[in-house]
Amino acid sequence: MNTAWVVWGGLVLGSFAVLETIALLNHREGDTLSERLREWLGIYPVKHWRLAASAALLGILVWFGWHIVFQQ
């Protein structure tokens, strides 16, 4: 594995960990990634596009998993 990938991966995961920890500790509504994702997908508060957005996210995740595991 290339050292640059390890550095970038560490920066991304470290940044996420710091930001999510701060959001969890300050107890403000809407700060965590899961709360943001629910709002963007229209799940909470409920929006008319929630089924389409959730299906699109699920489709992307299934495709990406298939791509990583079975494609070369």
PDB file of N, CA and C in Angstrom:
ATOM      1  N   MET A   1       0.851  -1.183   0.000  1.00  0.00           N
ATOM      2  CA  MET A   1       0.000   0.000   0.000  1.00  0.00           C
ATOM      3  C   MET A   1       0.890   1.238   0.000  1.00  0.00           C
ATOM      4  N   ASN A   2       0.483   2.191  -0.776  1.00  0.00           N
ATOM      5  CA  ASN A   2       1.208   3.441  -0.908  1.00  0.00           C
ATOM      6  C   ASN A   2       1.066   4.269   0.376  1.00  0.00           C
ATOM      7  N   THR A   3       2.149   4.902   0.802  1.00  0.00           N
ATOM      8  CA  THR A   3       2.133   5.716   2.024  1.00  0.00           C
ATOM      9  C   THR A   3       1.148   6.875   1.919  1.00  0.00           C
ATOM     10  N   ALA A   4       1.002   7.423   0.729  1.00  0.00           N
ATOM     11  CA  ALA A   4       0.061   8.542   0.545  1.00  0.00           C
ATOM     12  C   ALA A   4      -1.368   8.115   0.873  1.00  0.00           C
ATOM     13  N   TRP A   5      -1.746   6.879   0.497  1.00  0.00           N
ATOM     14  CA  TRP A   5      -3.093   6.388   0.791  1.00  0.00           C
ATOM     15  C   TRP A   5      -3.310   6.258   2.289  1.00  0.00           C
ATOM     16  N   VAL A   6      -2.280   5.822   2.994  1.00  0.00           N
ATOM     17  CA  VAL A   6      -2.386   5.683   4.451  1.00  0.00           C
ATOM     18  C   VAL A   6      -2.565   7.060   5.084  1.00  0.00           C
ATOM     19  N   VAL A   7      -1.807   8.037   4.601  1.00  0.00           N
ATOM     20  CA  VAL A   7      -1.910   9.404   5.140  1.00  0.00           C
ATOM     21  C   VAL A   7      -3.291   9.984   4.863  1.00  0.00           C
ATOM     22  N   TRP A   8      -3.759   9.888   3.611  1.00  0.00           N
ATOM     23  CA  TRP A   8      -5.082  10.414   3.267  1.00  0.00           C
ATOM     24  C   TRP A   8      -6.188   9.702   4.037  1.00  0.00           C
ATOM     25  N   GLY A   9      -6.091   8.384   4.123  1.00  0.00           N
ATOM     26  CA  GLY A   9      -7.086   7.627   4.893  1.00  0.00           C
ATOM     27  C   GLY A   9      -7.107   8.047   6.352  1.00  0.00           C
ATOM     28  N   GLY A  10      -5.922   8.239   6.928  1.00  0.00           N
ATOM     29  CA  GLY A  10      -5.838   8.691   8.313  1.00  0.00           C
ATOM     30  C   GLY A  10      -6.422  10.072   8.507  1.00  0.00           C
ATOM     31  N   LEU A  11      -6.169  10.965   7.548  1.00  0.00           N
ATOM     32  CA  LEU A  11      -6.731  12.316   7.636  1.00  0.00           C
ATOM     33  C   LEU A  11      -8.251  12.302   7.555  1.00  0.00           C
ATOM     34  N   VAL A  12      -8.779  11.525   6.630  1.00  0.00           N
ATOM     35  CA  VAL A  12     -10.239  11.455   6.469  1.00  0.00           C
ATOM     36  C   VAL A  12     -10.891  10.844   7.709  1.00  0.00           C
ATOM     37  N   LEU A  13     -10.388   9.691   8.145  1.00  0.00           N
ATOM     38  CA  LEU A  13     -10.976   9.029   9.318  1.00  0.00           C
ATOM     39  C   LEU A  13     -10.769   9.846  10.589  1.00  0.00           C
ATOM     40  N   GLY A  14      -9.595  10.442  10.725  1.00  0.00           N
ATOM     41  CA  GLY A  14      -9.331  11.271  11.901  1.00  0.00           C
ATOM     42  C   GLY A  14     -10.228  12.495  11.940  1.00  0.00           C
ATOM     43  N   SER A  15     -10.392  13.145  10.792  1.00  0.00           N
ATOM     44  CA  SER A  15     -11.265  14.324  10.726  1.00  0.00           C
ATOM     45  C   SER A  15     -12.700  13.956  11.064  1.00  0.00           C
ATOM     46  N   PHE A  16     -13.173  12.843  10.491  1.00  0.00           N
ATOM     47  CA  PHE A  16     -14.528  12.392  10.800  1.00  0.00           C
ATOM     48  C   PHE A  16     -14.677  12.115  12.290  1.00  0.00           C
ATOM     49  N   ALA A  17     -13.702  11.424  12.874  1.00  0.00           N
ATOM     50  CA  ALA A  17     -13.776  11.079  14.297  1.00  0.00           C
ATOM     51  C   ALA A  17     -13.825  12.334  15.160  1.00  0.00           C
ATOM     52  N   VAL A  18     -13.003  13.326  14.836  1.00  0.00           N
ATOM     53  CA  VAL A  18     -12.993  14.568  15.618  1.00  0.00           C
ATOM     54  C   VAL A  18     -14.322  15.299  15.487  1.00  0.00           C
ATOM     55  N   LEU A  19     -14.799  15.487  14.258  1.00  0.00           N
ATOM     56  CA  LEU A  19     -16.045  16.228  14.043  1.00  0.00           C
ATOM     57  C   LEU A  19     -17.251  15.515  14.657  1.00  0.00           C
ATOM     58  N   GLU A  20     -17.306  14.200  14.516  1.00  0.00           N
ATOM     59  CA  GLU A  20     -18.437  13.448  15.074  1.00  0.00           C
ATOM     60  C   GLU A  20     -18.394  13.461  16.604  1.00  0.00           C
ATOM     61  N   THR A  21     -17.204  13.365  17.179  1.00  0.00           N
ATOM     62  CA  THR A  21     -17.077  13.416  18.645  1.00  0.00           C
ATOM     63  C   THR A  21     -17.525  14.767  19.180  1.00  0.00           C
ATOM     64  N   ILE A  22     -17.107  15.836  18.518  1.00  0.00           N
ATOM     65  CA  ILE A  22     -17.544  17.181  18.935  1.00  0.00           C
ATOM     66  C   ILE A  22     -19.066  17.280  18.848  1.00  0.00           C
ATOM     67  N   ALA A  23     -19.640  16.783  17.756  1.00  0.00           N
ATOM     68  CA  ALA A  23     -21.099  16.838  17.576  1.00  0.00           C
ATOM     69  C   ALA A  23     -21.819  16.038  18.653  1.00  0.00           C
ATOM     70  N   LEU A  24     -21.270  14.895  19.027  1.00  0.00           N
ATOM     71  CA  LEU A  24     -21.908  14.069  20.058  1.00  0.00           C
ATOM     72  C   LEU A  24     -21.806  14.703  21.438  1.00  0.00           C
ATOM     73  N   LEU A  25     -20.704  15.394  21.697  1.00  0.00           N
ATOM     74  CA  LEU A  25     -20.503  15.972  23.024  1.00  0.00           C
ATOM     75  C   LEU A  25     -21.277  17.274  23.242  1.00  0.00           C
ATOM     76  N   ASN A  26     -21.559  18.031  22.168  1.00  0.00           N
ATOM     77  CA  ASN A  26     -22.248  19.314  22.373  1.00  0.00           C
ATOM     78  C   ASN A  26     -23.773  19.179  22.420  1.00  0.00           C
ATOM     79  N   HIS A  27     -24.298  18.010  22.060  1.00  0.00           N
ATOM     80  CA  HIS A  27     -25.737  17.706  22.188  1.00  0.00           C
ATOM     81  C   HIS A  27     -26.650  18.669  21.433  1.00  0.00           C
ATOM     82  N   ARG A  28     -26.141  19.318  20.395  1.00  0.00           N
ATOM     83  CA  ARG A  28     -27.008  20.158  19.569  1.00  0.00           C
ATOM     84  C   ARG A  28     -27.663  19.295  18.505  1.00  0.00           C
ATOM     85  N   GLU A  29     -28.921  19.548  18.270  1.00  0.00           N
ATOM     86  CA  GLU A  29     -29.662  18.766  17.289  1.00  0.00           C
ATOM     87  C   GLU A  29     -29.168  19.076  15.878  1.00  0.00           C
ATOM     88  N   GLY A  30     -28.962  18.025  15.080  1.00  0.00           N
ATOM     89  CA  GLY A  30     -28.575  18.197  13.690  1.00  0.00           C
ATOM     90  C   GLY A  30     -27.087  18.249  13.433  1.00  0.00           C
ATOM     91  N   ASP A  31     -26.260  17.964  14.420  1.00  0.00           N
ATOM     92  CA  ASP A  31     -24.817  18.065  14.235  1.00  0.00           C
ATOM     93  C   ASP A  31     -24.157  16.780  13.727  1.00  0.00           C
ATOM     94  N   THR A  32     -24.748  15.628  13.992  1.00  0.00           N
ATOM     95  CA  THR A  32     -24.081  14.379  13.625  1.00  0.00           C
ATOM     96  C   THR A  32     -24.345  14.024  12.162  1.00  0.00           C
ATOM     97  N   LEU A  33     -23.493  13.172  11.615  1.00  0.00           N
ATOM     98  CA  LEU A  33     -23.647  12.756  10.229  1.00  0.00           C
ATOM     99  C   LEU A  33     -24.960  12.014  10.012  1.00  0.00           C
ATOM    100  N   SER A  34     -25.360  11.179  10.950  1.00  0.00           N
ATOM    101  CA  SER A  34     -26.618  10.441  10.781  1.00  0.00           C
ATOM    102  C   SER A  34     -27.810  11.391  10.760  1.00  0.00           C
ATOM    103  N   GLU A  35     -27.797  12.432  11.578  1.00  0.00           N
ATOM    104  CA  GLU A  35     -28.887  13.416  11.558  1.00  0.00           C
ATOM    105  C   GLU A  35     -28.902  14.192  10.241  1.00  0.00           C
ATOM    106  N   ARG A  36     -27.726  14.577   9.753  1.00  0.00           N
ATOM    107  CA  ARG A  36     -27.635  15.266   8.463  1.00  0.00           C
ATOM    108  C   ARG A  36     -28.140  14.381   7.339  1.00  0.00           C
ATOM    109  N   LEU A  37     -27.736  13.103   7.354  1.00  0.00           N
ATOM    110  CA  LEU A  37     -28.142  12.174   6.306  1.00  0.00           C
ATOM    111  C   LEU A  37     -29.652  11.972   6.305  1.00  0.00           C
ATOM    112  N   ARG A  38     -30.253  11.858   7.481  1.00  0.00           N
ATOM    113  CA  ARG A  38     -31.713  11.738   7.559  1.00  0.00           C
ATOM    114  C   ARG A  38     -32.405  12.960   6.964  1.00  0.00           C
ATOM    115  N   GLU A  39     -31.850  14.138   7.218  1.00  0.00           N
ATOM    116  CA  GLU A  39     -32.447  15.355   6.668  1.00  0.00           C
ATOM    117  C   GLU A  39     -32.254  15.417   5.151  1.00  0.00           C
ATOM    118  N   TRP A  40     -31.055  15.120   4.657  1.00  0.00           N
ATOM    119  CA  TRP A  40     -30.781  15.168   3.222  1.00  0.00           C
ATOM    120  C   TRP A  40     -31.648  14.182   2.450  1.00  0.00           C
ATOM    121  N   LEU A  41     -31.889  13.006   3.040  1.00  0.00           N
ATOM    122  CA  LEU A  41     -32.707  11.995   2.367  1.00  0.00           C
ATOM    123  C   LEU A  41     -34.195  12.230   2.542  1.00  0.00           C
ATOM    124  N   GLY A  42     -34.568  13.209   3.353  1.00  0.00           N
ATOM    125  CA  GLY A  42     -35.977  13.515   3.560  1.00  0.00           C
ATOM    126  C   GLY A  42     -36.672  12.543   4.493  1.00  0.00           C
ATOM    127  N   ILE A  43     -35.892  11.848   5.316  1.00  0.00           N
ATOM    128  CA  ILE A  43     -36.468  10.868   6.235  1.00  0.00           C
ATOM    129  C   ILE A  43     -37.025  11.550   7.477  1.00  0.00           C
ATOM    130  N   TYR A  44     -36.284  12.496   8.026  1.00  0.00           N
ATOM    131  CA  TYR A  44     -36.753  13.219   9.210  1.00  0.00           C
ATOM    132  C   TYR A  44     -36.244  14.645   9.132  1.00  0.00           C
ATOM    133  N   PRO A  45     -37.046  15.638   9.091  1.00  0.00           N
ATOM    134  CA  PRO A  45     -38.497  15.569   8.981  1.00  0.00           C
ATOM    135  C   PRO A  45     -38.904  14.987   7.629  1.00  0.00           C
ATOM    136  N   VAL A  46     -40.059  14.360   7.598  1.00  0.00           N
ATOM    137  CA  VAL A  46     -40.512  13.632   6.419  1.00  0.00           C
ATOM    138  C   VAL A  46     -40.729  14.594   5.246  1.00  0.00           C
ATOM    139  N   LYS A  47     -40.134  14.243   4.112  1.00  0.00           N
ATOM    140  CA  LYS A  47     -40.302  14.997   2.866  1.00  0.00           C
ATOM    141  C   LYS A  47     -40.854  14.058   1.804  1.00  0.00           C
ATOM    142  N   HIS A  48     -41.424  14.613   0.756  1.00  0.00           N
ATOM    143  CA  HIS A  48     -42.049  13.796  -0.276  1.00  0.00           C
ATOM    144  C   HIS A  48     -41.041  12.991  -1.091  1.00  0.00           C
ATOM    145  N   TRP A  49     -39.771  13.347  -1.073  1.00  0.00           N
ATOM    146  CA  TRP A  49     -38.769  12.640  -1.867  1.00  0.00           C
ATOM    147  C   TRP A  49     -38.049  11.538  -1.087  1.00  0.00           C
ATOM    148  N   ARG A  50     -38.479  11.220   0.123  1.00  0.00           N
ATOM    149  CA  ARG A  50     -37.715  10.301   0.977  1.00  0.00           C
ATOM    150  C   ARG A  50     -37.565   8.912   0.376  1.00  0.00           C
ATOM    151  N   LEU A  51     -38.598   8.364  -0.256  1.00  0.00           N
ATOM    152  CA  LEU A  51     -38.477   7.024  -0.837  1.00  0.00           C
ATOM    153  C   LEU A  51     -37.491   7.015  -1.999  1.00  0.00           C
ATOM    154  N   ALA A  52     -37.567   8.004  -2.863  1.00  0.00           N
ATOM    155  CA  ALA A  52     -36.663   8.078  -4.008  1.00  0.00           C
ATOM    156  C   ALA A  52     -35.218   8.283  -3.546  1.00  0.00           C
ATOM    157  N   ALA A  53     -35.012   9.166  -2.579  1.00  0.00           N
ATOM    158  CA  ALA A  53     -33.660   9.437  -2.091  1.00  0.00           C
ATOM    159  C   ALA A  53     -33.081   8.225  -1.373  1.00  0.00           C
ATOM    160  N   SER A  54     -33.886   7.554  -0.568  1.00  0.00           N
ATOM    161  CA  SER A  54     -33.421   6.358   0.127  1.00  0.00           C
ATOM    162  C   SER A  54     -33.110   5.234  -0.847  1.00  0.00           C
ATOM    163  N   ALA A  55     -33.946   5.070  -1.870  1.00  0.00           N
ATOM    164  CA  ALA A  55     -33.699   4.054  -2.896  1.00  0.00           C
ATOM    165  C   ALA A  55     -32.424   4.374  -3.672  1.00  0.00           C
ATOM    166  N   ALA A  56     -32.204   5.652  -3.973  1.00  0.00           N
ATOM    167  CA  ALA A  56     -30.988   6.052  -4.689  1.00  0.00           C
ATOM    168  C   ALA A  56     -29.743   5.766  -3.852  1.00  0.00           C
ATOM    169  N   LEU A  57     -29.784   6.097  -2.561  1.00  0.00           N
ATOM    170  CA  LEU A  57     -28.643   5.822  -1.688  1.00  0.00           C
ATOM    171  C   LEU A  57     -28.391   4.320  -1.593  1.00  0.00           C
ATOM    172  N   LEU A  58     -29.436   3.551  -1.424  1.00  0.00           N
ATOM    173  CA  LEU A  58     -29.293   2.094  -1.352  1.00  0.00           C
ATOM    174  C   LEU A  58     -28.717   1.547  -2.658  1.00  0.00           C
ATOM    175  N   GLY A  59     -29.191   2.053  -3.784  1.00  0.00           N
ATOM    176  CA  GLY A  59     -28.670   1.627  -5.081  1.00  0.00           C
ATOM    177  C   GLY A  59     -27.192   1.930  -5.236  1.00  0.00           C
ATOM    178  N   ILE A  60     -26.782   3.116  -4.820  1.00  0.00           N
ATOM    179  CA  ILE A  60     -25.369   3.494  -4.895  1.00  0.00           C
ATOM    180  C   ILE A  60     -24.528   2.590  -4.008  1.00  0.00           C
ATOM    181  N   LEU A  61     -25.005   2.314  -2.799  1.00  0.00           N
ATOM    182  CA  LEU A  61     -24.257   1.449  -1.889  1.00  0.00           C
ATOM    183  C   LEU A  61     -24.131   0.024  -2.410  1.00  0.00           C
ATOM    184  N   VAL A  62     -25.213  -0.511  -2.989  1.00  0.00           N
ATOM    185  CA  VAL A  62     -25.171  -1.857  -3.568  1.00  0.00           C
ATOM    186  C   VAL A  62     -24.209  -1.887  -4.749  1.00  0.00           C
ATOM    187  N   TRP A  63     -24.314  -0.906  -5.636  1.00  0.00           N
ATOM    188  CA  TRP A  63     -23.415  -0.845  -6.785  1.00  0.00           C
ATOM    189  C   TRP A  63     -21.960  -0.746  -6.329  1.00  0.00           C
ATOM    190  N   PHE A  64     -21.685   0.117  -5.361  1.00  0.00           N
ATOM    191  CA  PHE A  64     -20.311   0.313  -4.906  1.00  0.00           C
ATOM    192  C   PHE A  64     -19.766  -0.963  -4.276  1.00  0.00           C
ATOM    193  N   GLY A  65     -20.581  -1.644  -3.471  1.00  0.00           N
ATOM    194  CA  GLY A  65     -20.147  -2.902  -2.880  1.00  0.00           C
ATOM    195  C   GLY A  65     -19.830  -3.933  -3.949  1.00  0.00           C
ATOM    196  N   TRP A  66     -20.717  -4.068  -4.937  1.00  0.00           N
ATOM    197  CA  TRP A  66     -20.500  -5.000  -6.045  1.00  0.00           C
ATOM    198  C   TRP A  66     -19.231  -4.640  -6.802  1.00  0.00           C
ATOM    199  N   HIS A  67     -19.059  -3.357  -7.069  1.00  0.00           N
ATOM    200  CA  HIS A  67     -17.893  -2.866  -7.798  1.00  0.00           C
ATOM    201  C   HIS A  67     -16.596  -3.193  -7.066  1.00  0.00           C
ATOM    202  N   ILE A  68     -16.566  -2.987  -5.767  1.00  0.00           N
ATOM    203  CA  ILE A  68     -15.354  -3.232  -4.988  1.00  0.00           C
ATOM    204  C   ILE A  68     -15.056  -4.714  -4.902  1.00  0.00           C
ATOM    205  N   VAL A  69     -16.059  -5.524  -4.684  1.00  0.00           N
ATOM    206  CA  VAL A  69     -15.837  -6.961  -4.452  1.00  0.00           C
ATOM    207  C   VAL A  69     -15.604  -7.728  -5.748  1.00  0.00           C
ATOM    208  N   PHE A  70     -16.384  -7.471  -6.790  1.00  0.00           N
ATOM    209  CA  PHE A  70     -16.379  -8.335  -7.963  1.00  0.00           C
ATOM    210  C   PHE A  70     -15.715  -7.753  -9.210  1.00  0.00           C
ATOM    211  N   GLN A  71     -15.475  -6.478  -9.267  1.00  0.00           N
ATOM    212  CA  GLN A  71     -14.838  -5.876 -10.441  1.00  0.00           C
ATOM    213  C   GLN A  71     -13.323  -5.838 -10.265  1.00  0.00           C
ATOM    214  N   GLN A  72     -12.613  -5.830 -11.374  1.00  0.00           N
ATOM    215  CA  GLN A  72     -11.154  -5.738 -11.303  1.00  0.00           C
ATOM    216  C   GLN A  72     -10.660  -4.460 -11.887  1.00  0.00           C
TER     217      GLN A  72
END
